[in-house]
Amino acid sequence: MKKFQNVHFIKSAVKPEQYPQHNLPEIAFIGRSNVGKSSLLNTLVNKKNLARISNTPGRTQQINFFHIDEKLCFVDLPGYGYAKVPESVRKQWKPMIESYLTQSQHLKGVVLIVDARHKPTQHDVLMREWLLSYQIPTIIVATKIDKIPKTKRQKQLNLIGDTLNVQATESFLTFSALTAEGVKTVWQAIAQITLPPNHDVKSE
């Protein structure tokens, strides 16, 4: 796995004027609460504690920005769905997320994370449709794939793909934080939409 030299948290934000001032391409990560978003972020950069992992859904309540070797910026968006947070906080998330996705000048694409073990929720479907309507390049990643027996994987992936209306030309990838399956392919998909050909940040 590739070693990164300078991976660090930059800042948190809740509105556009608070976004970091830089010229780096941004990749945003979004999914329902407790889907494994923090584990995906940490595994991609081979750093255990970049994004905070918690058994309590809804811990990410702001937009968090991380620089990756000064070539790329990962953006951790609040999880949606069943997060047990105050209703007043949940109401703030929707405009906060939508403002970022529509107003960020550096956003190149979104990694939409779903749980490979389950059929996508209505929240997942709505987020997928929203990203399509704004023509935002999307990489769909099914996490926790190690929890599914290999003999049952294709049937489950077909269910996810059909529910989210994934097209043959789109990136629909599997991932496991436990085995690191999918790290290379996720990085390849990110590189295709963010970086010039002469840059190489893919996992080895």
C-alpha atoms as a PDB file:
ATOM      1  CA  MET A   1       0.000   0.000   0.000  1.00  0.00           C
ATOM      2  CA  LYS A   2       1.303   3.421  -0.955  1.00  0.00           C
ATOM      3  CA  LYS A   3       2.734   5.535   1.849  1.00  0.00           C
ATOM      4  CA  PHE A   4       1.608   9.134   2.001  1.00  0.00           C
ATOM      5  CA  GLN A   5       4.014  11.759   3.274  1.00  0.00           C
ATOM      6  CA  ASN A   6       1.684  14.521   4.387  1.00  0.00           C
ATOM      7  CA  VAL A   7      -1.900  13.665   5.263  1.00  0.00           C
ATOM      8  CA  HIS A   8      -3.563  16.013   7.708  1.00  0.00           C
ATOM      9  CA  PHE A   9      -6.771  17.644   8.857  1.00  0.00           C
ATOM     10  CA  ILE A  10      -7.194  21.226   7.642  1.00  0.00           C
ATOM     11  CA  LYS A  11     -10.379  22.579   9.158  1.00  0.00           C
ATOM     12  CA  SER A  12     -14.095  22.116   9.716  1.00  0.00           C
ATOM     13  CA  ALA A  13     -16.733  24.305   8.122  1.00  0.00           C
ATOM     14  CA  VAL A  14     -20.480  24.772   8.047  1.00  0.00           C
ATOM     15  CA  LYS A  15     -20.817  27.463   5.349  1.00  0.00           C
ATOM     16  CA  PRO A  16     -19.015  28.446   2.119  1.00  0.00           C
ATOM     17  CA  GLU A  17     -17.090  31.381   3.544  1.00  0.00           C
ATOM     18  CA  GLN A  18     -15.418  28.970   5.947  1.00  0.00           C
ATOM     19  CA  TYR A  19     -14.132  26.565   3.272  1.00  0.00           C
ATOM     20  CA  PRO A  20     -10.314  26.359   3.053  1.00  0.00           C
ATOM     21  CA  GLN A  21      -8.639  28.577   0.498  1.00  0.00           C
ATOM     22  CA  HIS A  22      -6.680  26.341  -1.851  1.00  0.00           C
ATOM     23  CA  ASN A  23      -6.511  25.185  -5.458  1.00  0.00           C
ATOM     24  CA  LEU A  24      -6.592  21.447  -4.815  1.00  0.00           C
ATOM     25  CA  PRO A  25      -9.196  19.156  -6.379  1.00  0.00           C
ATOM     26  CA  GLU A  26     -11.722  17.972  -3.811  1.00  0.00           C
ATOM     27  CA  ILE A  27     -13.363  14.573  -3.456  1.00  0.00           C
ATOM     28  CA  ALA A  28     -16.313  14.451  -1.065  1.00  0.00           C
ATOM     29  CA  PHE A  29     -17.403  11.340   0.859  1.00  0.00           C
ATOM     30  CA  ILE A  30     -21.012  10.853   1.848  1.00  0.00           C
ATOM     31  CA  GLY A  31     -23.234   8.026   3.054  1.00  0.00           C
ATOM     32  CA  ARG A  32     -25.707   7.160   5.744  1.00  0.00           C
ATOM     33  CA  SER A  33     -24.517   7.189   9.333  1.00  0.00           C
ATOM     34  CA  ASN A  34     -22.425   4.193  10.414  1.00  0.00           C
ATOM     35  CA  VAL A  35     -21.860   2.996   6.853  1.00  0.00           C
ATOM     36  CA  GLY A  36     -18.084   2.858   7.296  1.00  0.00           C
ATOM     37  CA  LYS A  37     -17.167   6.265   5.891  1.00  0.00           C
ATOM     38  CA  SER A  38     -14.418   7.010   8.408  1.00  0.00           C
ATOM     39  CA  SER A  39     -12.920   3.552   7.944  1.00  0.00           C
ATOM     40  CA  LEU A  40     -12.857   4.067   4.172  1.00  0.00           C
ATOM     41  CA  LEU A  41     -11.132   7.440   4.515  1.00  0.00           C
ATOM     42  CA  ASN A  42      -8.559   6.120   6.968  1.00  0.00           C
ATOM     43  CA  THR A  43      -7.782   3.011   4.926  1.00  0.00           C
ATOM     44  CA  LEU A  44      -7.365   4.923   1.670  1.00  0.00           C
ATOM     45  CA  VAL A  45      -4.557   7.010   3.158  1.00  0.00           C
ATOM     46  CA  ASN A  46      -3.215   4.243   5.421  1.00  0.00           C
ATOM     47  CA  LYS A  47      -3.688   6.332   8.536  1.00  0.00           C
ATOM     48  CA  LYS A  48      -5.710   4.962  11.436  1.00  0.00           C
ATOM     49  CA  ASN A  49      -6.986   8.161  12.966  1.00  0.00           C
ATOM     50  CA  LEU A  50      -7.386  10.652  10.130  1.00  0.00           C
ATOM     51  CA  ALA A  51     -11.170  10.520  10.380  1.00  0.00           C
ATOM     52  CA  ARG A  52     -12.697   9.722  13.745  1.00  0.00           C
ATOM     53  CA  ILE A  53     -14.378   6.328  13.973  1.00  0.00           C
ATOM     54  CA  SER A  54     -17.260   5.970  16.368  1.00  0.00           C
ATOM     55  CA  ASN A  55     -19.914   3.430  17.207  1.00  0.00           C
ATOM     56  CA  THR A  56     -22.268   6.347  17.699  1.00  0.00           C
ATOM     57  CA  PRO A  57     -23.850   7.426  14.380  1.00  0.00           C
ATOM     58  CA  GLY A  58     -23.856  11.123  13.630  1.00  0.00           C
ATOM     59  CA  ARG A  59     -20.519  12.108  15.125  1.00  0.00           C
ATOM     60  CA  THR A  60     -19.552  14.041  11.984  1.00  0.00           C
ATOM     61  CA  GLN A  61     -21.695  17.172  12.279  1.00  0.00           C
ATOM     62  CA  GLN A  62     -19.596  19.556  10.199  1.00  0.00           C
ATOM     63  CA  ILE A  63     -17.809  19.412   6.873  1.00  0.00           C
ATOM     64  CA  ASN A  64     -14.234  18.264   7.508  1.00  0.00           C
ATOM     65  CA  PHE A  65     -11.392  18.932   5.063  1.00  0.00           C
ATOM     66  CA  PHE A  66      -8.183  16.872   4.802  1.00  0.00           C
ATOM     67  CA  HIS A  67      -5.145  17.515   2.596  1.00  0.00           C
ATOM     68  CA  ILE A  68      -3.553  14.479   0.951  1.00  0.00           C
ATOM     69  CA  ASP A  69       0.120  15.113   0.101  1.00  0.00           C
ATOM     70  CA  GLU A  70      -0.842  18.638  -1.004  1.00  0.00           C
ATOM     71  CA  LYS A  71      -2.250  17.147  -4.219  1.00  0.00           C
ATOM     72  CA  LEU A  72      -5.808  16.401  -3.234  1.00  0.00           C
ATOM     73  CA  CYS A  73      -8.405  17.296  -0.620  1.00  0.00           C
ATOM     74  CA  PHE A  74     -10.760  14.763   0.936  1.00  0.00           C
ATOM     75  CA  VAL A  75     -14.002  16.236   2.246  1.00  0.00           C
ATOM     76  CA  ASP A  76     -15.910  14.314   4.917  1.00  0.00           C
ATOM     77  CA  LEU A  77     -19.608  15.219   4.828  1.00  0.00           C
ATOM     78  CA  PRO A  78     -22.047  14.478   7.676  1.00  0.00           C
ATOM     79  CA  GLY A  79     -23.767  11.123   7.484  1.00  0.00           C
ATOM     80  CA  TYR A  80     -27.481  11.005   6.783  1.00  0.00           C
ATOM     81  CA  GLY A  81     -30.212   8.586   7.789  1.00  0.00           C
ATOM     82  CA  TYR A  82     -30.783   7.272  11.274  1.00  0.00           C
ATOM     83  CA  ALA A  83     -28.203   9.320  13.170  1.00  0.00           C
ATOM     84  CA  LYS A  84     -29.376   9.861  16.737  1.00  0.00           C
ATOM     85  CA  VAL A  85     -28.756  13.574  16.907  1.00  0.00           C
ATOM     86  CA  PRO A  86     -31.091  16.430  17.815  1.00  0.00           C
ATOM     87  CA  GLU A  87     -33.666  17.316  15.161  1.00  0.00           C
ATOM     88  CA  SER A  88     -32.318  20.874  15.087  1.00  0.00           C
ATOM     89  CA  VAL A  89     -28.902  19.531  14.044  1.00  0.00           C
ATOM     90  CA  ARG A  90     -30.336  17.266  11.339  1.00  0.00           C
ATOM     91  CA  LYS A  91     -32.221  20.214   9.844  1.00  0.00           C
ATOM     92  CA  GLN A  92     -28.931  22.094   9.536  1.00  0.00           C
ATOM     93  CA  TRP A  93     -27.208  19.240   7.713  1.00  0.00           C
ATOM     94  CA  LYS A  94     -29.313  19.345   4.545  1.00  0.00           C
ATOM     95  CA  PRO A  95     -28.582  22.984   3.594  1.00  0.00           C
ATOM     96  CA  MET A  96     -24.975  22.601   4.771  1.00  0.00           C
ATOM     97  CA  ILE A  97     -24.383  19.584   2.519  1.00  0.00           C
ATOM     98  CA  GLU A  98     -26.274  21.021  -0.435  1.00  0.00           C
ATOM     99  CA  SER A  99     -24.411  24.319  -0.173  1.00  0.00           C
ATOM    100  CA  TYR A 100     -21.087  22.523  -0.310  1.00  0.00           C
ATOM    101  CA  LEU A 101     -22.037  20.259  -3.211  1.00  0.00           C
ATOM    102  CA  THR A 102     -23.396  23.137  -5.290  1.00  0.00           C
ATOM    103  CA  GLN A 103     -21.016  25.933  -4.312  1.00  0.00           C
ATOM    104  CA  SER A 104     -17.576  24.404  -3.847  1.00  0.00           C
ATOM    105  CA  GLN A 105     -15.320  25.654  -6.603  1.00  0.00           C
ATOM    106  CA  HIS A 106     -12.976  22.692  -6.290  1.00  0.00           C
ATOM    107  CA  LEU A 107     -15.336  19.710  -6.056  1.00  0.00           C
ATOM    108  CA  LYS A 108     -14.464  17.120  -8.709  1.00  0.00           C
ATOM    109  CA  GLY A 109     -16.609  14.209  -7.576  1.00  0.00           C
ATOM    110  CA  VAL A 110     -18.411  12.431  -4.760  1.00  0.00           C
ATOM    111  CA  VAL A 111     -17.841   8.997  -3.269  1.00  0.00           C
ATOM    112  CA  LEU A 112     -21.318   7.721  -2.370  1.00  0.00           C
ATOM    113  CA  ILE A 113     -20.928   4.985   0.243  1.00  0.00           C
ATOM    114  CA  VAL A 114     -23.448   2.214   0.819  1.00  0.00           C
ATOM    115  CA  ASP A 115     -23.374  -0.896   3.020  1.00  0.00           C
ATOM    116  CA  ALA A 116     -22.814  -3.964   0.854  1.00  0.00           C
ATOM    117  CA  ARG A 117     -24.845  -6.099   3.253  1.00  0.00           C
ATOM    118  CA  HIS A 118     -28.103  -4.231   2.730  1.00  0.00           C
ATOM    119  CA  LYS A 119     -30.348  -2.903   0.020  1.00  0.00           C
ATOM    120  CA  PRO A 120     -29.758   0.854  -0.359  1.00  0.00           C
ATOM    121  CA  THR A 121     -32.126   2.930   1.749  1.00  0.00           C
ATOM    122  CA  GLN A 122     -34.456   5.592   0.450  1.00  0.00           C
ATOM    123  CA  HIS A 123     -31.927   8.151   1.688  1.00  0.00           C
ATOM    124  CA  ASP A 124     -29.273   6.513  -0.506  1.00  0.00           C
ATOM    125  CA  VAL A 125     -31.584   6.562  -3.524  1.00  0.00           C
ATOM    126  CA  LEU A 126     -32.483  10.214  -2.990  1.00  0.00           C
ATOM    127  CA  MET A 127     -28.823  11.213  -2.621  1.00  0.00           C
ATOM    128  CA  ARG A 128     -27.981   9.268  -5.778  1.00  0.00           C
ATOM    129  CA  GLU A 129     -30.769  11.016  -7.706  1.00  0.00           C
ATOM    130  CA  TRP A 130     -29.707  14.387  -6.336  1.00  0.00           C
ATOM    131  CA  LEU A 131     -26.109  13.892  -7.485  1.00  0.00           C
ATOM    132  CA  LEU A 132     -27.337  12.810 -10.909  1.00  0.00           C
ATOM    133  CA  SER A 133     -29.558  15.861 -11.228  1.00  0.00           C
ATOM    134  CA  TYR A 134     -26.569  18.133 -10.599  1.00  0.00           C
ATOM    135  CA  GLN A 135     -24.358  16.039 -12.897  1.00  0.00           C
ATOM    136  CA  ILE A 136     -21.748  15.536 -10.179  1.00  0.00           C
ATOM    137  CA  PRO A 137     -19.362  12.666 -11.016  1.00  0.00           C
ATOM    138  CA  THR A 138     -20.040   9.881  -8.540  1.00  0.00           C
ATOM    139  CA  ILE A 139     -18.082   6.835  -7.405  1.00  0.00           C
ATOM    140  CA  ILE A 140     -20.362   4.349  -5.662  1.00  0.00           C
ATOM    141  CA  VAL A 141     -18.552   2.236  -3.077  1.00  0.00           C
ATOM    142  CA  ALA A 142     -20.127  -0.734  -1.289  1.00  0.00           C
ATOM    143  CA  THR A 143     -18.323  -1.145   2.032  1.00  0.00           C
ATOM    144  CA  LYS A 144     -18.042  -4.132   4.385  1.00  0.00           C
ATOM    145  CA  ILE A 145     -17.882  -6.513   1.427  1.00  0.00           C
ATOM    146  CA  ASP A 146     -15.888  -8.992   3.559  1.00  0.00           C
ATOM    147  CA  LYS A 147     -19.106  -9.661   5.504  1.00  0.00           C
ATOM    148  CA  ILE A 148     -20.747 -11.263   2.460  1.00  0.00           C
ATOM    149  CA  PRO A 149     -19.822 -14.827   1.366  1.00  0.00           C
ATOM    150  CA  LYS A 150     -18.253 -14.788  -2.088  1.00  0.00           C
ATOM    151  CA  THR A 151     -20.986 -17.087  -3.404  1.00  0.00           C
ATOM    152  CA  LYS A 152     -23.615 -14.450  -2.523  1.00  0.00           C
ATOM    153  CA  ARG A 153     -21.759 -11.305  -3.492  1.00  0.00           C
ATOM    154  CA  GLN A 154     -22.879 -10.950  -7.093  1.00  0.00           C
ATOM    155  CA  LYS A 155     -26.556 -11.274  -6.224  1.00  0.00           C
ATOM    156  CA  GLN A 156     -26.212  -8.601  -3.545  1.00  0.00           C
ATOM    157  CA  LEU A 157     -24.227  -6.287  -5.800  1.00  0.00           C
ATOM    158  CA  ASN A 158     -26.861  -6.683  -8.506  1.00  0.00           C
ATOM    159  CA  LEU A 159     -29.507  -5.637  -5.990  1.00  0.00           C
ATOM    160  CA  ILE A 160     -27.530  -2.546  -5.016  1.00  0.00           C
ATOM    161  CA  GLY A 161     -26.776  -1.645  -8.619  1.00  0.00           C
ATOM    162  CA  ASP A 162     -30.400  -2.008  -9.696  1.00  0.00           C
ATOM    163  CA  THR A 163     -31.701  -0.021  -6.719  1.00  0.00           C
ATOM    164  CA  LEU A 164     -29.325   2.852  -7.414  1.00  0.00           C
ATOM    165  CA  ASN A 165     -29.698   2.561 -11.191  1.00  0.00           C
ATOM    166  CA  VAL A 166     -25.956   2.221 -11.705  1.00  0.00           C
ATOM    167  CA  GLN A 167     -24.928   2.409 -15.350  1.00  0.00           C
ATOM    168  CA  ALA A 168     -22.266   0.223 -16.944  1.00  0.00           C
ATOM    169  CA  THR A 169     -20.016   3.240 -17.529  1.00  0.00           C
ATOM    170  CA  GLU A 170     -20.017   4.299 -13.869  1.00  0.00           C
ATOM    171  CA  SER A 171     -17.665   3.362 -11.059  1.00  0.00           C
ATOM    172  CA  PHE A 172     -19.372   0.854  -8.743  1.00  0.00           C
ATOM    173  CA  LEU A 173     -16.740  -0.621  -6.456  1.00  0.00           C
ATOM    174  CA  THR A 174     -16.467  -2.883  -3.424  1.00  0.00           C
ATOM    175  CA  PHE A 175     -14.383  -2.191  -0.343  1.00  0.00           C
ATOM    176  CA  SER A 176     -13.354  -3.733   2.962  1.00  0.00           C
ATOM    177  CA  ALA A 177     -11.517  -1.872   5.710  1.00  0.00           C
ATOM    178  CA  LEU A 178     -10.682  -5.229   7.288  1.00  0.00           C
ATOM    179  CA  THR A 179      -8.920  -6.753   4.272  1.00  0.00           C
ATOM    180  CA  ALA A 180      -8.136  -3.539   2.331  1.00  0.00           C
ATOM    181  CA  GLU A 181      -9.941  -5.001  -0.664  1.00  0.00           C
ATOM    182  CA  GLY A 182     -10.765  -2.229  -3.106  1.00  0.00           C
ATOM    183  CA  VAL A 183      -8.187   0.331  -2.012  1.00  0.00           C
ATOM    184  CA  LYS A 184      -6.419   0.347  -5.365  1.00  0.00           C
ATOM    185  CA  THR A 185      -9.573   0.462  -7.456  1.00  0.00           C
ATOM    186  CA  VAL A 186     -11.072   3.278  -5.402  1.00  0.00           C
ATOM    187  CA  TRP A 187      -7.877   5.292  -5.816  1.00  0.00           C
ATOM    188  CA  GLN A 188      -7.910   4.607  -9.552  1.00  0.00           C
ATOM    189  CA  ALA A 189     -11.467   5.885  -9.812  1.00  0.00           C
ATOM    190  CA  ILE A 190     -10.568   9.003  -7.828  1.00  0.00           C
ATOM    191  CA  ALA A 191      -7.520   9.641 -10.005  1.00  0.00           C
ATOM    192  CA  GLN A 192      -9.583   9.396 -13.186  1.00  0.00           C
ATOM    193  CA  ILE A 193     -11.734  12.355 -12.188  1.00  0.00           C
ATOM    194  CA  THR A 194      -9.249  14.519 -10.316  1.00  0.00           C
ATOM    195  CA  LEU A 195      -5.667  14.309 -11.453  1.00  0.00           C
ATOM    196  CA  PRO A 196      -3.717  14.850 -14.664  1.00  0.00           C
ATOM    197  CA  PRO A 197      -2.141  11.720 -16.201  1.00  0.00           C
ATOM    198  CA  ASN A 198       1.365  12.655 -15.033  1.00  0.00           C
ATOM    199  CA  HIS A 199       0.330  12.397 -11.371  1.00  0.00           C
ATOM    200  CA  ASP A 200       0.213   9.045  -9.613  1.00  0.00           C
ATOM    201  CA  VAL A 201      -1.371   8.807  -6.187  1.00  0.00           C
ATOM    202  CA  LYS A 202      -2.883   5.357  -6.598  1.00  0.00           C
ATOM    203  CA  SER A 203      -2.174   2.680  -4.054  1.00  0.00           C
ATOM    204  CA  GLU A 204       0.564   0.320  -5.048  1.00  0.00           C
END
